[in-house]
Amino acid sequence: MRTIEEIQAAMNALLAAAEGRTLTDEEVTQYEALEAELVTTQRTNQVMARNNAYNMPATGPGVPGGAPVAPLGTVAPARPDNGLEEAFTAFLRTGVPNADLTELRPNMAQGSSVGSEGGFLVPPGFRNKIIERMQAFGGIANICDQLNTDTGNTIEWPTVDDVANEAEVVPESTAPANQNAVVFGKKELRAYTYQTGGPSSVPIRLPRELIQDQQFDLESRLARLMGLRLARGLAADLANGNGVAQPLGLVYGLTGIEPADDTAGITYDDLLTFIHSVDPAYRANGRWVFNDSSLKTIRQIKDSNGDPLWRSMTSTIGDPASDGMLLDYPYTIDQGLPDIDIDSNTVNWGAFGDILEGYVLRRVRSIEVVVNPWNRANEREIEYTAWMRADATQQNTQAYSALCGEQ
């Protein structure tokens, strides 16, 4: 069994190797496996420590070096139990502290005066773990074109769509055929600033007392949570941003491909229509993008006998949700996209096509966490904020189609 230090070193090495880019699915799986191993090792060490305490030699009269017997009526020290740990876990799940927690420590500031702000992070005897609520987000950022820059200057590049023009046969010794001029367009990427802090437009503030007493590496956890806040904000815009002082979303403003009949819901034939709405030149790298609710709707498609078609629509044998394939094309879940609205052709709920060719995300350097120990030094508080710069746009809308309902 590896030690805690060895596991943490492996985790740090994995993140260091991926600095400046998004983790791959394999790297995320490896990191989560290391997290699970770390928790198991920590719990094992705690169990062994408790067991050693149980097997300590008894003390008292007649035992060399033993302590005297406590006076009659004195309450004996309690054996270690999980009461506080269970109370802490319950609080993190429900937000309601019980009596075990409310008596743990005196009032302080953010993270101590109010339990929900961190006052329950430093009770004695807790294991080194914080229960963190997880919620899926993002997806588009992992499959689109990525552009990383050192500065936030606006980036412009020309575009041209000439596929409607073709040469013609002309008689000998005649003028060229009348053709359309080549029309160029322009795309650009800016650098919008995303920032996160505390309530009332001020930074997150943690008292130095809490930082001294905490048992959870609170600062590292705080940096992670602020990074997740920034990622959620960007992910929402990648799905639905309108391009005005924010990124332009993957399917925003596009004319979606409609199903044949809204009374029948999404059908197998509709899925084929979506696929063939994209030119074969782009289908080689095609993929689906929709949210988990839309995936559920698609998995519920049945044939005339009421049998689900899902397994026949996937390219491999096994759990389709794990295979991630639909009609021979992979799918990506992005919870920022809306649910299927079969009765509206103005709600783009998904996309199909070559997203890598069609959509580009620009990042400026990396996330910065700002630690300010000075402004609130008299109050013994440290301030934390985090920010990043990014933009995204539709760079080739011929490479993929937006999917919608029928009017």
Protein backbone atom coordinates (compact mmCIF):
# COMPACT_ATOMS: atom_id res chain seq x y z
CA MET A 1 0.00 0.00 0.00
CA ARG A 2 1.34 3.42 -0.95
CA THR A 3 1.72 6.13 1.65
CA ILE A 4 -0.36 9.30 1.71
CA GLU A 5 2.70 11.30 0.62
CA GLU A 6 3.31 8.98 -2.35
CA ILE A 7 -0.31 9.24 -3.51
CA GLN A 8 -0.33 13.04 -3.20
CA ALA A 9 2.93 13.21 -5.15
CA ALA A 10 1.32 11.17 -7.94
CA MET A 11 -1.69 13.52 -7.97
CA ASN A 12 0.53 16.60 -8.14
CA ALA A 13 2.62 15.08 -10.93
CA LEU A 14 -0.51 14.32 -12.97
CA LEU A 15 -1.75 17.91 -12.68
CA ALA A 16 1.70 19.36 -13.36
CA ALA A 17 1.94 17.37 -16.60
CA ALA A 18 -1.37 18.88 -17.74
CA GLU A 19 -0.60 22.49 -16.79
CA GLY A 20 -1.99 24.95 -19.31
CA ARG A 21 -4.46 22.56 -20.90
CA THR A 22 -7.67 20.67 -20.15
CA LEU A 23 -7.28 17.22 -18.61
CA THR A 24 -8.11 14.34 -20.92
CA ASP A 25 -10.81 11.85 -19.96
CA GLU A 26 -8.07 9.31 -19.13
CA GLU A 27 -6.25 11.82 -16.89
CA VAL A 28 -9.48 12.69 -15.06
CA THR A 29 -10.10 8.97 -14.49
CA GLN A 30 -6.54 8.53 -13.19
CA TYR A 31 -6.87 11.51 -10.83
CA GLU A 32 -10.22 10.32 -9.47
CA ALA A 33 -8.69 6.86 -8.88
CA LEU A 34 -5.86 8.50 -6.92
CA GLU A 35 -8.42 10.48 -4.88
CA ALA A 36 -10.24 7.25 -4.01
CA GLU A 37 -6.94 5.58 -3.08
CA LEU A 38 -6.01 8.58 -0.89
CA VAL A 39 -9.32 8.43 1.00
CA THR A 40 -8.95 4.66 1.52
CA THR A 41 -5.38 5.07 2.80
CA GLN A 42 -6.37 7.89 5.17
CA ARG A 43 -9.24 5.86 6.59
CA THR A 44 -7.00 2.82 6.95
CA ASN A 45 -4.43 4.86 8.89
CA GLN A 46 -7.15 6.22 11.16
CA VAL A 47 -8.56 2.76 11.83
CA MET A 48 -5.09 1.46 12.66
CA ALA A 49 -4.47 4.41 15.01
CA ARG A 50 -7.75 3.78 16.82
CA ASN A 51 -6.99 0.09 17.09
CA ASN A 52 -3.57 0.86 18.60
CA ALA A 53 -5.28 3.10 21.14
CA TYR A 54 -7.69 0.30 22.05
CA ASN A 55 -4.78 -2.05 22.67
CA MET A 56 -2.75 0.31 24.84
CA PRO A 57 -1.87 -1.26 28.22
CA ALA A 58 -4.34 -0.47 30.97
CA THR A 59 -3.33 2.13 33.55
CA GLY A 60 -4.15 2.37 37.20
CA PRO A 61 -3.11 0.93 40.57
CA GLY A 62 -0.92 -2.12 40.32
CA VAL A 63 0.27 -1.22 36.84
CA PRO A 64 3.81 0.15 36.62
CA GLY A 65 3.62 3.80 35.78
CA GLY A 66 -0.16 3.67 35.98
CA ALA A 67 -2.31 6.62 36.91
CA PRO A 68 -4.30 6.64 40.12
CA VAL A 69 -7.92 5.61 40.08
CA ALA A 70 -10.30 8.47 39.39
CA PRO A 71 -12.49 9.52 42.29
CA LEU A 72 -15.81 7.75 42.60
CA GLY A 73 -18.42 9.35 40.37
CA THR A 74 -15.94 10.70 37.79
CA VAL A 75 -17.03 10.03 34.20
CA ALA A 76 -14.51 7.88 32.34
CA PRO A 77 -13.11 9.20 29.07
CA ALA A 78 -15.22 8.09 26.12
CA ARG A 79 -13.74 5.73 23.54
CA PRO A 80 -13.31 7.24 20.07
CA ASP A 81 -16.47 7.10 17.96
CA ASN A 82 -17.79 8.49 14.69
CA GLY A 83 -20.49 10.72 16.19
CA LEU A 84 -18.89 14.05 15.25
CA GLU A 85 -17.83 12.80 11.84
CA GLU A 86 -21.35 11.63 11.06
CA ALA A 87 -22.75 14.94 12.31
CA PHE A 88 -20.35 16.84 10.08
CA THR A 89 -21.27 14.75 7.03
CA ALA A 90 -24.97 15.26 7.75
CA PHE A 91 -24.44 19.03 8.01
CA LEU A 92 -22.66 19.17 4.66
CA ARG A 93 -25.49 17.23 3.05
CA THR A 94 -28.41 19.08 4.64
CA GLY A 95 -27.05 22.43 5.84
CA VAL A 96 -28.65 21.85 9.25
CA PRO A 97 -26.21 21.51 12.20
CA ASN A 98 -27.10 19.37 15.18
CA ALA A 99 -26.11 19.89 18.82
CA ASP A 100 -22.80 18.06 18.35
CA LEU A 101 -21.66 20.76 15.94
CA THR A 102 -23.08 23.91 17.49
CA GLU A 103 -20.91 23.46 20.61
CA LEU A 104 -17.65 22.76 18.81
CA ARG A 105 -15.92 26.14 18.89
CA PRO A 106 -16.49 29.82 19.67
CA ASN A 107 -17.60 32.37 17.14
CA MET A 108 -15.10 33.96 14.80
CA ALA A 109 -15.56 35.27 11.21
CA GLN A 110 -16.19 33.86 7.70
CA GLY A 111 -15.62 30.21 8.18
CA SER A 112 -16.08 30.30 11.96
CA SER A 113 -18.78 32.59 13.33
CA VAL A 114 -21.44 30.87 11.23
CA GLY A 115 -21.25 27.14 10.75
CA SER A 116 -22.25 27.26 7.08
CA GLU A 117 -19.40 29.71 6.42
CA GLY A 118 -16.74 27.36 7.69
CA GLY A 119 -17.15 27.13 11.47
CA PHE A 120 -17.42 23.36 11.30
CA LEU A 121 -14.14 22.88 9.47
CA VAL A 122 -11.94 22.58 12.55
CA PRO A 123 -13.59 20.22 15.05
CA PRO A 124 -11.19 17.81 16.80
CA GLY A 125 -11.14 14.24 15.59
CA PHE A 126 -12.52 14.77 12.08
CA ARG A 127 -10.92 12.93 9.22
CA ASN A 128 -9.22 14.93 6.49
CA LYS A 129 -12.20 15.06 4.16
CA ILE A 130 -14.77 17.58 2.99
CA ILE A 131 -17.93 16.29 1.33
CA GLU A 132 -18.21 18.33 -1.87
CA ARG A 133 -21.42 18.35 -3.87
CA MET A 134 -20.71 17.49 -7.51
CA GLN A 135 -22.70 18.52 -10.56
CA ALA A 136 -21.78 17.83 -14.17
CA PHE A 137 -21.11 20.80 -16.41
CA GLY A 138 -19.19 21.60 -19.56
CA GLY A 139 -18.39 19.22 -22.37
CA ILE A 140 -18.13 21.54 -25.34
CA ALA A 141 -14.77 22.87 -24.13
CA ASN A 142 -13.29 19.37 -24.36
CA ILE A 143 -14.18 18.75 -28.02
CA CYS A 144 -13.77 22.12 -29.76
CA ASP A 145 -10.71 23.77 -31.29
CA GLN A 146 -8.42 25.22 -28.60
CA LEU A 147 -6.36 28.39 -28.94
CA ASN A 148 -4.08 29.47 -26.09
CA THR A 149 -2.47 32.91 -26.16
CA ASP A 150 -0.16 34.88 -23.88
CA THR A 151 -2.01 38.17 -24.39
CA GLY A 152 -5.64 39.18 -24.70
CA ASN A 153 -5.38 41.19 -27.93
CA THR A 154 -8.32 40.73 -30.30
CA ILE A 155 -7.57 38.02 -32.88
CA GLU A 156 -9.06 38.38 -36.38
CA TRP A 157 -8.93 35.99 -39.33
CA PRO A 158 -10.63 35.93 -42.76
CA THR A 159 -13.27 33.41 -43.85
CA VAL A 160 -14.60 32.47 -47.29
CA ASP A 161 -17.59 30.40 -48.39
CA ASP A 162 -17.34 29.65 -52.11
CA VAL A 163 -18.95 26.22 -52.26
CA ALA A 164 -21.98 27.53 -54.22
CA ASN A 165 -19.77 28.46 -57.20
CA GLU A 166 -18.50 26.04 -59.81
CA ALA A 167 -16.87 26.26 -63.22
CA GLU A 168 -18.88 25.98 -66.45
CA VAL A 169 -18.14 24.64 -69.91
CA VAL A 170 -17.74 27.51 -72.42
CA PRO A 171 -17.33 27.54 -76.21
CA GLU A 172 -13.91 27.97 -77.74
CA SER A 173 -12.54 31.53 -77.93
CA THR A 174 -15.25 33.04 -75.72
CA ALA A 175 -15.16 35.11 -72.59
CA PRO A 176 -15.16 33.42 -69.19
CA ALA A 177 -18.50 32.37 -67.79
CA ASN A 178 -20.30 34.85 -65.54
CA GLN A 179 -19.39 33.81 -62.01
CA ASN A 180 -19.93 35.31 -58.55
CA ALA A 181 -17.10 37.19 -56.91
CA VAL A 182 -15.22 35.57 -54.05
CA VAL A 183 -16.74 36.99 -50.86
CA PHE A 184 -14.61 37.07 -47.74
CA GLY A 185 -15.84 37.41 -44.20
CA LYS A 186 -14.15 37.93 -40.85
CA LYS A 187 -14.14 36.17 -37.51
CA GLU A 188 -12.66 37.49 -34.30
CA LEU A 189 -11.91 36.39 -30.78
CA ARG A 190 -11.73 38.76 -27.85
CA ALA A 191 -10.76 38.06 -24.23
CA TYR A 192 -13.60 38.42 -21.72
CA THR A 193 -12.70 38.39 -18.04
CA TYR A 194 -14.43 35.92 -15.74
CA GLN A 195 -14.00 36.53 -12.00
CA THR A 196 -15.26 34.98 -8.79
CA GLY A 197 -15.11 36.15 -5.20
CA GLY A 198 -17.32 36.41 -2.15
CA PRO A 199 -20.70 38.00 -1.35
CA SER A 200 -21.50 41.71 -1.78
CA SER A 201 -18.91 42.12 -4.55
CA VAL A 202 -15.96 41.62 -2.20
CA PRO A 203 -13.34 38.85 -2.16
CA ILE A 204 -13.76 35.64 -0.23
CA ARG A 205 -12.39 36.34 3.27
CA LEU A 206 -10.98 33.71 5.61
CA PRO A 207 -9.78 34.45 9.13
CA ARG A 208 -6.21 33.56 9.97
CA GLU A 209 -7.47 31.66 13.03
CA LEU A 210 -9.43 29.33 10.77
CA ILE A 211 -6.48 28.82 8.44
CA GLN A 212 -4.25 27.99 11.41
CA ASP A 213 -6.72 25.50 12.89
CA GLN A 214 -8.17 23.85 9.79
CA GLN A 215 -7.45 20.20 9.10
CA PHE A 216 -8.52 20.04 5.46
CA ASP A 217 -5.92 21.98 3.41
CA LEU A 218 -8.65 24.58 3.06
CA GLU A 219 -6.63 26.90 0.83
CA SER A 220 -6.10 24.22 -1.85
CA ARG A 221 -9.77 23.32 -1.65
CA LEU A 222 -10.72 26.98 -2.00
CA ALA A 223 -8.55 27.35 -5.10
CA ARG A 224 -10.24 24.30 -6.62
CA LEU A 225 -13.74 25.60 -5.87
CA MET A 226 -12.96 29.01 -7.39
CA GLY A 227 -11.59 27.28 -10.47
CA LEU A 228 -14.81 25.30 -10.78
CA ARG A 229 -16.85 28.50 -10.49
CA LEU A 230 -14.93 30.01 -13.39
CA ALA A 231 -15.31 26.84 -15.46
CA ARG A 232 -19.07 26.76 -14.85
CA GLY A 233 -19.44 30.38 -15.96
CA LEU A 234 -17.51 29.75 -19.17
CA ALA A 235 -19.33 26.46 -19.84
CA ALA A 236 -22.72 28.21 -19.68
CA ASP A 237 -21.60 30.72 -22.31
CA LEU A 238 -20.12 28.05 -24.58
CA ALA A 239 -23.56 26.48 -24.67
CA ASN A 240 -25.82 29.54 -24.81
CA GLY A 241 -23.75 32.74 -25.03
CA ASN A 242 -25.17 35.39 -27.40
CA GLY A 243 -21.81 36.88 -28.39
CA VAL A 244 -22.58 40.31 -26.90
CA ALA A 245 -19.91 41.07 -24.27
CA GLN A 246 -19.57 37.29 -23.86
CA PRO A 247 -18.61 34.28 -26.00
CA LEU A 248 -20.89 33.17 -28.83
CA GLY A 249 -22.39 29.80 -27.95
CA LEU A 250 -22.09 26.67 -30.06
CA VAL A 251 -25.66 26.74 -31.39
CA TYR A 252 -26.79 30.30 -30.60
CA GLY A 253 -28.52 32.04 -33.52
CA LEU A 254 -28.18 29.11 -35.94
CA THR A 255 -31.14 27.84 -37.95
CA GLY A 256 -31.71 24.40 -36.50
CA ILE A 257 -32.59 21.20 -38.34
CA GLU A 258 -36.19 20.28 -37.54
CA PRO A 259 -37.68 16.82 -36.97
CA ALA A 260 -40.29 15.62 -39.45
CA ASP A 261 -43.30 15.56 -37.11
CA ASP A 262 -43.46 17.11 -33.66
CA THR A 263 -46.45 14.93 -32.71
CA ALA A 264 -44.24 11.84 -32.94
CA GLY A 265 -41.37 13.25 -30.90
CA ILE A 266 -37.79 12.56 -31.95
CA THR A 267 -37.68 9.44 -34.13
CA TYR A 268 -35.03 7.19 -35.62
CA ASP A 269 -35.63 8.83 -39.01
CA ASP A 270 -35.06 12.27 -37.44
CA LEU A 271 -31.65 11.16 -36.17
CA LEU A 272 -30.73 10.10 -39.71
CA THR A 273 -31.93 13.49 -40.97
CA PHE A 274 -29.70 15.26 -38.45
CA ILE A 275 -26.67 13.22 -39.52
CA HIS A 276 -27.20 13.79 -43.23
CA SER A 277 -27.77 17.52 -42.78
CA VAL A 278 -23.97 17.76 -42.48
CA ASP A 279 -21.86 17.46 -45.63
CA PRO A 280 -19.94 14.14 -45.89
CA ALA A 281 -16.72 16.19 -45.86
CA TYR A 282 -17.35 16.90 -42.17
CA ARG A 283 -19.06 13.67 -41.08
CA ALA A 284 -15.81 11.72 -40.77
CA ASN A 285 -15.18 13.57 -37.48
CA GLY A 286 -18.85 13.98 -36.60
CA ARG A 287 -20.21 13.78 -33.07
CA TRP A 288 -23.40 14.57 -31.18
CA VAL A 289 -23.67 17.19 -28.45
CA PHE A 290 -26.71 17.43 -26.15
CA ASN A 291 -27.60 17.31 -22.46
CA ASP A 292 -28.39 14.26 -20.37
CA SER A 293 -32.16 14.81 -20.55
CA SER A 294 -31.98 14.79 -24.35
CA LEU A 295 -29.94 11.59 -24.19
CA LYS A 296 -32.70 10.04 -22.09
CA THR A 297 -35.32 11.09 -24.66
CA ILE A 298 -33.29 9.53 -27.48
CA ARG A 299 -32.78 6.32 -25.51
CA GLN A 300 -36.58 6.10 -25.12
CA ILE A 301 -37.19 5.90 -28.90
CA LYS A 302 -39.16 2.70 -29.60
CA ASP A 303 -40.13 0.77 -32.73
CA SER A 304 -43.68 -0.07 -33.80
CA ASN A 305 -43.71 -2.99 -31.36
CA GLY A 306 -42.77 -0.80 -28.42
CA ASP A 307 -39.22 -2.15 -28.19
CA PRO A 308 -36.40 0.33 -27.53
CA LEU A 309 -34.13 0.98 -30.50
CA TRP A 310 -31.18 2.19 -28.43
CA ARG A 311 -29.05 -0.94 -28.61
CA SER A 312 -29.49 -1.20 -32.36
CA MET A 313 -28.42 2.46 -32.65
CA THR A 314 -25.12 1.96 -30.80
CA SER A 315 -22.04 0.62 -32.50
CA THR A 316 -20.70 -1.56 -29.67
CA ILE A 317 -22.03 -4.17 -27.29
CA GLY A 318 -22.33 -3.23 -23.63
CA ASP A 319 -23.64 -0.33 -21.64
CA PRO A 320 -24.46 2.40 -24.22
CA ALA A 321 -23.93 5.15 -21.67
CA SER A 322 -20.36 3.95 -21.24
CA ASP A 323 -19.76 3.39 -24.94
CA GLY A 324 -20.85 6.94 -25.74
CA MET A 325 -21.88 6.10 -29.32
CA LEU A 326 -25.09 6.87 -31.19
CA LEU A 327 -25.55 5.62 -34.77
CA ASP A 328 -21.79 5.08 -35.10
CA TYR A 329 -20.92 8.59 -33.87
CA PRO A 330 -19.70 9.52 -30.37
CA TYR A 331 -21.76 11.84 -28.21
CA THR A 332 -20.76 14.46 -25.65
CA ILE A 333 -22.97 15.52 -22.75
CA ASP A 334 -23.10 19.25 -21.96
CA GLN A 335 -25.61 20.14 -19.27
CA GLY A 336 -25.63 23.80 -20.33
CA LEU A 337 -27.68 22.98 -23.44
CA PRO A 338 -31.48 23.10 -23.09
CA ASP A 339 -33.74 20.05 -23.06
CA ILE A 340 -35.38 18.91 -26.28
CA ASP A 341 -38.39 21.13 -27.02
CA ILE A 342 -40.12 19.22 -29.79
CA ASP A 343 -42.67 22.00 -30.35
CA SER A 344 -40.22 24.87 -30.91
CA ASN A 345 -37.87 25.48 -33.81
CA THR A 346 -36.34 28.44 -31.98
CA VAL A 347 -34.76 26.35 -29.19
CA ASN A 348 -31.54 24.71 -30.37
CA TRP A 349 -31.11 21.79 -27.99
CA GLY A 350 -28.09 20.09 -29.55
CA ALA A 351 -25.67 19.80 -32.42
CA PHE A 352 -24.19 17.22 -34.78
CA GLY A 353 -21.05 17.48 -36.88
CA ASP A 354 -17.35 18.24 -36.69
CA ILE A 355 -17.24 20.42 -33.57
CA LEU A 356 -13.44 20.59 -33.64
CA GLU A 357 -13.61 22.26 -37.05
CA GLY A 358 -16.71 24.29 -36.35
CA TYR A 359 -16.14 25.89 -32.95
CA VAL A 360 -13.10 27.52 -31.34
CA LEU A 361 -12.30 28.39 -27.72
CA ARG A 362 -9.60 30.94 -26.91
CA ARG A 363 -7.95 31.10 -23.48
CA VAL A 364 -5.48 33.73 -22.30
CA ARG A 365 -2.80 32.07 -20.19
CA SER A 366 -4.28 30.27 -17.17
CA ILE A 367 -6.49 30.90 -14.17
CA GLU A 368 -5.00 33.26 -11.60
CA VAL A 369 -5.82 33.04 -7.90
CA VAL A 370 -5.14 36.35 -6.14
CA VAL A 371 -4.26 36.11 -2.43
CA ASN A 372 -4.32 39.42 -0.55
CA PRO A 373 -3.18 39.20 3.10
CA TRP A 374 -2.82 42.97 3.55
CA ASN A 375 -6.13 44.82 3.07
CA ARG A 376 -7.80 43.02 5.98
CA ALA A 377 -4.68 42.46 8.06
CA ASN A 378 -6.11 44.39 11.05
CA GLU A 379 -9.11 42.03 11.05
CA ARG A 380 -6.74 39.02 10.67
CA GLU A 381 -8.41 38.00 7.41
CA ILE A 382 -6.94 36.95 4.07
CA GLU A 383 -8.82 37.80 0.85
CA TYR A 384 -9.07 35.48 -2.16
CA THR A 385 -10.31 36.07 -5.71
CA ALA A 386 -9.79 34.19 -8.96
CA TRP A 387 -10.08 35.27 -12.58
CA MET A 388 -9.38 34.18 -16.13
CA ARG A 389 -9.83 35.49 -19.67
CA ALA A 390 -11.49 33.58 -22.50
CA ASP A 391 -13.69 33.83 -25.59
CA ALA A 392 -15.25 31.44 -28.10
CA THR A 393 -17.07 31.65 -31.41
CA GLN A 394 -18.54 29.68 -34.29
CA GLN A 395 -15.67 29.48 -36.77
CA ASN A 396 -17.23 27.23 -39.43
CA THR A 397 -20.98 26.66 -39.24
CA GLN A 398 -20.88 24.42 -42.31
CA ALA A 399 -19.06 21.81 -40.22
CA TYR A 400 -22.02 21.10 -37.94
CA SER A 401 -25.78 21.55 -37.64
CA ALA A 402 -27.85 22.84 -34.75
CA LEU A 403 -30.80 20.61 -33.75
CA CYS A 404 -34.22 21.95 -32.77
CA GLY A 405 -37.92 21.07 -32.66
CA GLU A 406 -40.64 21.71 -35.23
CA GLN A 407 -42.78 24.84 -35.32
